[in-house]
Amino acid sequence: MWEKVSSRSHKPIKIFPFGSYSDEVMLYGTVKYELKDGGEKEVDWAARAKLINEDGKIKMSFYQVYLASFHGSER
């Protein structure tokens, strides 16, 4: 999947906490790809994350990303 991508930049738009202690969140945003052939592409993404407190620092113990694919015209 990444063989044609030279870099990517994620832009989170919204974060939705879930659970009795809000240690799980859903995220929504966009990612902009810079392609090796000089082109660019931007797509929506969503993610699920599980958060933990490790020595007073909030870290992710699980992170799963879902990319939206677009067919037809580009954004």
N, C-alpha and C. Protein backbone atom coordinates (compact mmCIF):
# COMPACT_ATOMS: atom_id res chain seq x y z
N MET A 1 0.80 -1.19 0.00
CA MET A 1 0.00 0.00 0.00
C MET A 1 0.86 1.27 0.00
N TRP A 2 2.01 1.22 0.65
CA TRP A 2 2.82 2.43 0.80
C TRP A 2 3.91 2.57 -0.25
N GLU A 3 4.01 1.64 -1.20
CA GLU A 3 5.11 1.69 -2.17
C GLU A 3 5.09 2.94 -3.05
N LYS A 4 3.93 3.58 -3.26
CA LYS A 4 3.84 4.77 -4.10
C LYS A 4 3.82 6.06 -3.30
N VAL A 5 3.86 5.97 -1.96
CA VAL A 5 3.73 7.12 -1.09
C VAL A 5 5.10 7.56 -0.56
N SER A 6 5.42 8.85 -0.71
CA SER A 6 6.68 9.36 -0.18
C SER A 6 6.49 9.96 1.22
N SER A 7 5.30 10.50 1.51
CA SER A 7 5.01 11.01 2.85
C SER A 7 3.51 11.12 3.04
N ARG A 8 3.10 11.25 4.30
CA ARG A 8 1.68 11.43 4.58
C ARG A 8 1.53 12.33 5.79
N SER A 9 0.42 13.06 5.84
CA SER A 9 0.15 13.99 6.93
C SER A 9 -1.29 13.80 7.39
N HIS A 10 -1.46 13.40 8.65
CA HIS A 10 -2.79 13.18 9.22
C HIS A 10 -3.31 14.45 9.88
N LYS A 11 -4.58 14.75 9.67
CA LYS A 11 -5.21 15.90 10.30
C LYS A 11 -6.46 15.41 11.04
N PRO A 12 -6.34 15.17 12.35
CA PRO A 12 -7.53 14.78 13.12
C PRO A 12 -8.53 15.94 13.16
N ILE A 13 -9.80 15.63 12.96
CA ILE A 13 -10.84 16.66 12.99
C ILE A 13 -11.68 16.54 14.26
N LYS A 14 -12.05 15.30 14.63
CA LYS A 14 -12.86 15.07 15.82
C LYS A 14 -12.38 13.83 16.55
N ILE A 15 -12.50 13.86 17.88
CA ILE A 15 -12.19 12.70 18.71
C ILE A 15 -13.39 12.46 19.62
N PHE A 16 -13.91 11.23 19.61
CA PHE A 16 -15.10 10.88 20.37
C PHE A 16 -14.73 9.88 21.46
N PRO A 17 -14.80 10.27 22.75
CA PRO A 17 -14.51 9.32 23.82
C PRO A 17 -15.64 8.31 23.98
N PHE A 18 -15.32 7.12 24.45
CA PHE A 18 -16.32 6.09 24.66
C PHE A 18 -15.92 5.23 25.84
N GLY A 19 -16.88 4.81 26.61
CA GLY A 19 -16.61 3.92 27.73
C GLY A 19 -16.77 4.64 29.06
N SER A 20 -16.93 3.85 30.11
CA SER A 20 -17.20 4.42 31.43
C SER A 20 -16.08 5.31 31.93
N TYR A 21 -14.86 5.04 31.54
CA TYR A 21 -13.73 5.88 31.95
C TYR A 21 -13.07 6.57 30.76
N SER A 22 -13.74 6.55 29.62
CA SER A 22 -13.25 7.18 28.39
C SER A 22 -11.84 6.73 28.02
N ASP A 23 -11.56 5.45 28.20
CA ASP A 23 -10.25 4.93 27.82
C ASP A 23 -10.24 4.38 26.40
N GLU A 24 -11.38 4.50 25.71
CA GLU A 24 -11.44 4.17 24.28
C GLU A 24 -11.96 5.38 23.55
N VAL A 25 -11.38 5.66 22.38
CA VAL A 25 -11.81 6.80 21.58
C VAL A 25 -11.92 6.40 20.11
N MET A 26 -12.81 7.09 19.41
CA MET A 26 -12.89 7.00 17.95
C MET A 26 -12.43 8.34 17.42
N LEU A 27 -11.67 8.31 16.35
CA LEU A 27 -11.14 9.53 15.74
C LEU A 27 -11.62 9.62 14.31
N TYR A 28 -11.77 10.86 13.82
CA TYR A 28 -12.13 11.11 12.43
C TYR A 28 -11.23 12.21 11.91
N GLY A 29 -10.76 12.07 10.68
CA GLY A 29 -9.92 13.10 10.10
C GLY A 29 -9.63 12.85 8.63
N THR A 30 -8.63 13.54 8.13
CA THR A 30 -8.18 13.37 6.75
C THR A 30 -6.69 13.06 6.76
N VAL A 31 -6.25 12.41 5.71
CA VAL A 31 -4.82 12.17 5.53
C VAL A 31 -4.47 12.60 4.11
N LYS A 32 -3.39 13.36 4.00
CA LYS A 32 -2.91 13.83 2.70
C LYS A 32 -1.66 13.06 2.35
N TYR A 33 -1.67 12.41 1.21
CA TYR A 33 -0.53 11.64 0.73
C TYR A 33 0.24 12.44 -0.30
N GLU A 34 1.55 12.49 -0.16
CA GLU A 34 2.45 12.99 -1.19
C GLU A 34 2.97 11.74 -1.90
N LEU A 35 2.73 11.64 -3.18
CA LEU A 35 3.10 10.46 -3.94
C LEU A 35 4.48 10.60 -4.56
N LYS A 36 5.15 9.50 -4.75
CA LYS A 36 6.51 9.50 -5.32
C LYS A 36 6.53 10.05 -6.74
N ASP A 37 5.40 9.96 -7.45
CA ASP A 37 5.35 10.49 -8.82
C ASP A 37 5.05 11.99 -8.86
N GLY A 38 4.99 12.63 -7.66
CA GLY A 38 4.74 14.07 -7.59
C GLY A 38 3.30 14.44 -7.32
N GLY A 39 2.39 13.49 -7.40
CA GLY A 39 0.99 13.77 -7.16
C GLY A 39 0.64 13.83 -5.68
N GLU A 40 -0.61 14.20 -5.42
CA GLU A 40 -1.14 14.25 -4.06
C GLU A 40 -2.51 13.59 -4.05
N LYS A 41 -2.88 13.09 -2.88
CA LYS A 41 -4.21 12.51 -2.71
C LYS A 41 -4.62 12.73 -1.27
N GLU A 42 -5.88 13.05 -1.04
CA GLU A 42 -6.39 13.24 0.31
C GLU A 42 -7.62 12.37 0.50
N VAL A 43 -7.65 11.62 1.60
CA VAL A 43 -8.79 10.74 1.88
C VAL A 43 -9.20 10.89 3.35
N ASP A 44 -10.45 10.55 3.63
CA ASP A 44 -10.94 10.52 5.00
C ASP A 44 -10.46 9.26 5.68
N TRP A 45 -10.30 9.33 6.99
CA TRP A 45 -9.95 8.14 7.77
C TRP A 45 -10.67 8.20 9.11
N ALA A 46 -10.82 7.05 9.69
CA ALA A 46 -11.34 6.92 11.05
C ALA A 46 -10.45 5.94 11.77
N ALA A 47 -10.42 6.03 13.09
CA ALA A 47 -9.57 5.13 13.86
C ALA A 47 -10.22 4.84 15.20
N ARG A 48 -9.85 3.72 15.76
CA ARG A 48 -10.24 3.33 17.11
C ARG A 48 -8.97 3.20 17.92
N ALA A 49 -8.97 3.78 19.11
CA ALA A 49 -7.78 3.72 19.96
C ALA A 49 -8.16 3.36 21.39
N LYS A 50 -7.34 2.57 22.02
CA LYS A 50 -7.46 2.22 23.44
C LYS A 50 -6.32 2.93 24.15
N LEU A 51 -6.65 3.70 25.19
CA LEU A 51 -5.66 4.50 25.91
C LEU A 51 -5.33 3.87 27.25
N ILE A 52 -4.07 4.03 27.66
CA ILE A 52 -3.63 3.56 28.98
C ILE A 52 -2.82 4.66 29.65
N ASN A 53 -2.79 4.61 30.98
CA ASN A 53 -1.97 5.54 31.75
C ASN A 53 -0.72 4.77 32.18
N GLU A 54 0.41 5.20 31.64
CA GLU A 54 1.68 4.54 31.95
C GLU A 54 2.61 5.54 32.61
N ASP A 55 2.79 5.40 33.90
CA ASP A 55 3.65 6.31 34.67
C ASP A 55 3.22 7.77 34.53
N GLY A 56 1.89 8.00 34.55
CA GLY A 56 1.37 9.36 34.46
C GLY A 56 1.28 9.92 33.05
N LYS A 57 1.64 9.13 32.05
CA LYS A 57 1.56 9.56 30.65
C LYS A 57 0.49 8.74 29.94
N ILE A 58 -0.37 9.42 29.17
CA ILE A 58 -1.41 8.73 28.41
C ILE A 58 -0.80 8.23 27.10
N LYS A 59 -0.91 6.93 26.87
CA LYS A 59 -0.37 6.30 25.67
C LYS A 59 -1.43 5.41 25.03
N MET A 60 -1.22 5.06 23.77
CA MET A 60 -2.11 4.14 23.07
C MET A 60 -1.61 2.71 23.24
N SER A 61 -2.51 1.83 23.66
CA SER A 61 -2.15 0.42 23.73
C SER A 61 -2.68 -0.33 22.51
N PHE A 62 -3.61 0.29 21.79
CA PHE A 62 -4.19 -0.31 20.58
C PHE A 62 -4.60 0.83 19.66
N TYR A 63 -4.37 0.66 18.35
CA TYR A 63 -4.74 1.69 17.38
C TYR A 63 -5.05 0.99 16.06
N GLN A 64 -6.26 1.20 15.54
CA GLN A 64 -6.67 0.57 14.28
C GLN A 64 -7.28 1.64 13.39
N VAL A 65 -6.76 1.77 12.16
CA VAL A 65 -7.19 2.81 11.23
C VAL A 65 -8.06 2.21 10.13
N TYR A 66 -9.07 2.98 9.75
CA TYR A 66 -9.95 2.62 8.65
C TYR A 66 -9.89 3.75 7.63
N LEU A 67 -9.49 3.44 6.40
CA LEU A 67 -9.42 4.43 5.33
C LEU A 67 -10.68 4.35 4.49
N ALA A 68 -11.19 5.51 4.08
CA ALA A 68 -12.33 5.57 3.18
C ALA A 68 -11.78 5.61 1.76
N SER A 69 -12.30 4.78 0.90
CA SER A 69 -11.84 4.81 -0.49
C SER A 69 -12.87 5.54 -1.34
N PHE A 70 -12.39 6.28 -2.31
CA PHE A 70 -13.26 7.03 -3.19
C PHE A 70 -13.13 6.48 -4.60
N HIS A 71 -14.24 6.33 -5.25
CA HIS A 71 -14.26 5.86 -6.63
C HIS A 71 -14.79 7.01 -7.48
N GLY A 72 -14.28 7.16 -8.65
CA GLY A 72 -14.73 8.24 -9.51
C GLY A 72 -13.84 9.45 -9.35
N SER A 73 -14.44 10.65 -9.24
CA SER A 73 -13.65 11.88 -9.19
C SER A 73 -12.89 11.99 -7.86
N GLU A 74 -11.73 12.62 -7.94
CA GLU A 74 -10.89 12.83 -6.76
C GLU A 74 -11.45 14.01 -5.97
N ARG A 75 -11.09 14.07 -4.70
CA ARG A 75 -11.49 15.19 -3.85
C ARG A 75 -10.64 16.39 -4.14
